[in-house]
Amino acid sequence: MFTAASLLEFMPLLLRGALVTLEVTLYSTVLALILAFLAGFLQLSKFRGLRVLSTVYVELFRGTSLLVQLFWLYFALPILFDIRMPAMVAAVAAIGLNYGAYGSVVVRSSILAVPKGQYEAATALNMSPAIRMRKVILPQALPLMLPAFGNLQIELLKGTSLVYLITLMELTYQGMILRSYDSSKTLEIFALLLLMYFVLAYALTWIVRLLERRATRGRA
């Protein structure tokens, strides 16, 4: 059972780890969004080479384990190519690349879901492809993307729990450290971890829902 003493004992270290988890989540989300839109647009390109390049990236990172990608960036690159990166950089790169690949499918499918008549109307108004995408297509596609992006954001948050395996001192790592000090407190420690991940995930869900309401405001 939780006691005031156990909370005072565990929470400072867990909160320190939660801050690192939020930092990894924020940086990875930014990278994943950039890659999702870039790869999504490339998959719709009229140039076959760009489509192939995007497809290789998407299938490679969707078809392999995030854990293996983490280990490859942090442990294998220094051995094979003498490329060394801090644990934070490796974590953000692996998570961003992984979820960016999943997000690119969301971007592509949402853009394709915009009715063809919208493209034809924008073309009839003599809009360039860039203006057509920015002014007509994306404003209609973004509300379609947000629910799927929200799900991916929660999965990304949970994926950050793997980075403790490359020695990044995030929430799960701190929990494992506390458990190593006193294994009799395992139940309390993991219950607190469960609660803290739930609070973080619920906060992200609330933010995404707020964005969804704003994106659909004034639309039928």
Protein backbone atom coordinates (compact mmCIF):
# COMPACT_ATOMS: atom_id res chain seq x y z
CA MET A 1 0.00 0.00 0.00
CA PHE A 2 1.07 3.57 -0.67
CA THR A 3 2.19 5.57 2.33
CA ALA A 4 3.29 9.18 2.67
CA ALA A 5 6.78 7.93 3.46
CA SER A 6 6.99 5.83 0.29
CA LEU A 7 5.74 8.72 -1.85
CA LEU A 8 8.31 11.07 -0.36
CA GLU A 9 10.96 8.43 -0.94
CA PHE A 10 10.11 7.56 -4.54
CA MET A 11 8.58 10.65 -6.13
CA PRO A 12 11.63 12.94 -6.44
CA LEU A 13 13.55 10.37 -8.48
CA LEU A 14 10.50 9.38 -10.52
CA LEU A 15 9.64 13.00 -11.27
CA ARG A 16 13.21 13.55 -12.44
CA GLY A 17 12.78 10.59 -14.77
CA ALA A 18 9.39 11.87 -15.93
CA LEU A 19 11.01 15.13 -17.04
CA VAL A 20 13.48 13.18 -19.17
CA THR A 21 10.58 11.13 -20.58
CA LEU A 22 8.75 14.33 -21.54
CA GLU A 23 11.92 15.72 -23.11
CA VAL A 24 12.40 12.59 -25.22
CA THR A 25 8.70 12.61 -26.14
CA LEU A 26 8.77 16.26 -27.22
CA TYR A 27 11.91 16.02 -29.34
CA SER A 28 10.85 12.70 -30.86
CA THR A 29 7.40 14.06 -31.69
CA VAL A 30 8.86 17.04 -33.53
CA LEU A 31 11.22 14.80 -35.52
CA ALA A 32 8.46 12.25 -36.22
CA LEU A 33 6.10 14.96 -37.52
CA ILE A 34 8.76 16.39 -39.83
CA LEU A 35 9.59 12.95 -41.21
CA ALA A 36 5.91 11.95 -41.45
CA PHE A 37 5.03 14.93 -43.63
CA LEU A 38 8.22 14.69 -45.67
CA ALA A 39 7.83 10.96 -46.37
CA GLY A 40 4.08 11.33 -46.88
CA PHE A 41 4.58 14.03 -49.52
CA LEU A 42 7.35 12.03 -51.20
CA GLN A 43 5.05 9.03 -51.49
CA LEU A 44 2.69 11.25 -53.50
CA SER A 45 5.46 12.64 -55.69
CA LYS A 46 5.28 12.24 -59.47
CA PHE A 47 8.95 11.24 -59.44
CA ARG A 48 9.40 7.50 -59.07
CA GLY A 49 12.82 7.78 -57.43
CA LEU A 50 11.42 9.90 -54.60
CA ARG A 51 8.52 7.50 -54.11
CA VAL A 52 10.91 4.54 -53.93
CA LEU A 53 13.17 6.37 -51.44
CA SER A 54 10.21 7.16 -49.20
CA THR A 55 8.86 3.60 -49.45
CA VAL A 56 12.22 2.11 -48.47
CA TYR A 57 12.37 4.35 -45.39
CA VAL A 58 8.79 3.61 -44.36
CA GLU A 59 8.99 -0.15 -44.82
CA LEU A 60 12.40 -0.39 -43.15
CA PHE A 61 11.38 1.41 -39.97
CA ARG A 62 7.87 -0.03 -39.80
CA GLY A 63 9.14 -3.53 -40.45
CA THR A 64 11.84 -3.63 -37.77
CA SER A 65 11.68 -3.40 -34.00
CA LEU A 66 12.14 -0.05 -32.27
CA LEU A 67 14.33 -1.82 -29.72
CA VAL A 68 16.63 -3.12 -32.48
CA GLN A 69 16.76 0.37 -34.01
CA LEU A 70 17.76 1.83 -30.65
CA PHE A 71 20.51 -0.74 -30.20
CA TRP A 72 21.69 -0.25 -33.78
CA LEU A 73 22.04 3.53 -33.40
CA TYR A 74 23.60 3.45 -29.94
CA PHE A 75 25.73 0.29 -30.00
CA ALA A 76 26.23 -0.85 -33.62
CA LEU A 77 27.08 2.44 -35.36
CA PRO A 78 30.11 3.10 -33.12
CA ILE A 79 31.44 -0.39 -33.85
CA LEU A 80 30.77 -0.43 -37.59
CA PHE A 81 31.30 3.19 -38.63
CA ASP A 82 32.80 4.86 -35.54
CA ILE A 83 29.71 7.10 -35.34
CA ARG A 84 28.99 7.86 -31.71
CA MET A 85 26.05 9.78 -30.35
CA PRO A 86 24.75 10.59 -26.86
CA ALA A 87 21.97 8.41 -25.51
CA MET A 88 19.46 11.27 -25.83
CA VAL A 89 20.30 11.80 -29.51
CA ALA A 90 20.11 8.07 -30.25
CA ALA A 91 16.78 7.78 -28.44
CA VAL A 92 15.21 10.76 -30.23
CA ALA A 93 16.55 9.63 -33.61
CA ALA A 94 15.30 6.04 -33.26
CA ILE A 95 11.86 6.97 -31.92
CA GLY A 96 11.44 9.83 -34.38
CA LEU A 97 12.43 7.68 -37.35
CA ASN A 98 10.19 4.82 -36.23
CA TYR A 99 7.02 6.81 -35.58
CA GLY A 100 7.70 9.15 -38.50
CA ALA A 101 7.40 6.09 -40.75
CA TYR A 102 4.01 5.23 -39.27
CA GLY A 103 2.91 8.85 -39.42
CA SER A 104 3.78 9.13 -43.11
CA VAL A 105 1.05 6.59 -43.88
CA VAL A 106 -1.43 8.77 -41.99
CA VAL A 107 -0.34 11.85 -43.94
CA ARG A 108 -0.57 10.09 -47.29
CA SER A 109 -3.97 8.49 -46.64
CA SER A 110 -5.47 11.71 -45.25
CA ILE A 111 -4.36 13.73 -48.26
CA LEU A 112 -5.75 11.09 -50.61
CA ALA A 113 -9.04 11.18 -48.66
CA VAL A 114 -9.68 14.79 -49.67
CA PRO A 115 -12.30 14.70 -52.46
CA LYS A 116 -10.89 14.86 -55.95
CA GLY A 117 -13.16 17.79 -56.74
CA GLN A 118 -11.13 19.95 -54.36
CA TYR A 119 -8.01 19.36 -56.44
CA GLU A 120 -9.90 20.10 -59.63
CA ALA A 121 -11.39 23.32 -58.23
CA ALA A 122 -7.99 24.55 -57.03
CA THR A 123 -6.45 23.73 -60.41
CA ALA A 124 -9.26 25.58 -62.17
CA LEU A 125 -8.40 28.64 -60.06
CA ASN A 126 -4.86 28.42 -61.45
CA MET A 127 -3.27 27.62 -58.08
CA SER A 128 0.25 26.25 -58.09
CA PRO A 129 0.73 22.79 -56.52
CA ALA A 130 2.35 24.33 -53.41
CA ILE A 131 -0.44 26.87 -52.87
CA ARG A 132 -3.09 24.25 -53.63
CA MET A 133 -1.62 21.96 -50.99
CA ARG A 134 -1.21 24.71 -48.38
CA LYS A 135 -4.48 26.57 -48.91
CA VAL A 136 -6.92 23.86 -49.99
CA ILE A 137 -5.77 20.29 -49.36
CA LEU A 138 -3.94 20.42 -46.02
CA PRO A 139 -6.66 22.41 -44.17
CA GLN A 140 -9.06 19.59 -45.05
CA ALA A 141 -6.59 16.76 -44.48
CA LEU A 142 -5.32 17.89 -41.07
CA PRO A 143 -8.57 17.15 -39.19
CA LEU A 144 -8.43 13.65 -40.67
CA MET A 145 -4.85 13.18 -39.49
CA LEU A 146 -5.29 14.29 -35.89
CA PRO A 147 -7.11 11.23 -34.42
CA ALA A 148 -4.49 8.87 -35.87
CA PHE A 149 -1.68 11.20 -34.83
CA GLY A 150 -3.14 11.20 -31.33
CA ASN A 151 -2.95 7.41 -31.17
CA LEU A 152 0.61 7.46 -32.48
CA GLN A 153 1.54 10.10 -29.90
CA ILE A 154 0.39 7.82 -27.07
CA GLU A 155 2.29 4.90 -28.60
CA LEU A 156 5.38 7.12 -28.90
CA LEU A 157 5.14 8.06 -25.22
CA LYS A 158 4.97 4.39 -24.25
CA GLY A 159 7.84 3.65 -26.63
CA THR A 160 10.09 5.95 -24.63
CA SER A 161 10.12 3.31 -21.88
CA LEU A 162 12.57 1.32 -24.03
CA VAL A 163 15.28 3.96 -23.94
CA TYR A 164 16.31 2.95 -20.43
CA LEU A 165 18.04 0.02 -22.14
CA ILE A 166 20.56 2.47 -23.64
CA THR A 167 21.15 3.99 -20.18
CA LEU A 168 18.96 7.09 -20.62
CA MET A 169 17.70 8.01 -17.16
CA GLU A 170 14.01 8.42 -17.95
CA LEU A 171 10.98 7.32 -15.93
CA THR A 172 11.33 3.56 -16.35
CA TYR A 173 15.08 3.70 -15.69
CA GLN A 174 14.50 5.54 -12.41
CA GLY A 175 11.88 2.98 -11.42
CA MET A 176 14.31 0.15 -12.08
CA ILE A 177 16.98 1.92 -10.02
CA LEU A 178 14.56 2.28 -7.08
CA ARG A 179 13.61 -1.38 -7.40
CA SER A 180 17.27 -2.42 -7.30
CA TYR A 181 17.63 -0.62 -3.95
CA ASP A 182 14.65 -2.38 -2.36
CA SER A 183 12.92 -5.19 -4.27
CA SER A 184 10.28 -5.47 -1.52
CA LYS A 185 8.84 -2.18 -2.85
CA THR A 186 8.45 -3.52 -6.40
CA LEU A 187 4.64 -3.38 -6.34
CA GLU A 188 4.55 0.22 -5.13
CA ILE A 189 7.22 1.36 -7.59
CA PHE A 190 5.55 -0.19 -10.62
CA ALA A 191 2.13 1.04 -9.51
CA LEU A 192 3.54 4.57 -9.40
CA LEU A 193 5.11 4.07 -12.84
CA LEU A 194 1.76 2.89 -14.18
CA LEU A 195 -0.01 5.89 -12.70
CA MET A 196 2.53 8.40 -13.99
CA TYR A 197 2.46 7.00 -17.53
CA PHE A 198 -1.33 7.13 -17.43
CA VAL A 199 -1.31 10.78 -16.34
CA LEU A 200 1.16 11.70 -19.09
CA ALA A 201 -0.84 9.80 -21.71
CA TYR A 202 -4.12 11.36 -20.58
CA ALA A 203 -2.61 14.84 -20.78
CA LEU A 204 -1.44 14.16 -24.34
CA THR A 205 -4.89 12.80 -25.24
CA TRP A 206 -6.52 15.94 -23.91
CA ILE A 207 -4.17 18.16 -25.95
CA VAL A 208 -4.88 16.20 -29.14
CA ARG A 209 -8.64 16.41 -28.57
CA LEU A 210 -8.33 20.15 -28.08
CA LEU A 211 -6.45 20.40 -31.37
CA GLU A 212 -9.14 18.31 -33.06
CA ARG A 213 -11.88 20.65 -31.86
CA ARG A 214 -9.95 23.69 -33.05
CA ALA A 215 -9.19 22.10 -36.40
CA THR A 216 -12.86 21.24 -37.05
CA ARG A 217 -14.30 24.50 -35.71
CA GLY A 218 -16.55 26.12 -38.29
CA ARG A 219 -16.56 23.04 -40.53
CA ALA A 220 -19.50 20.88 -41.33
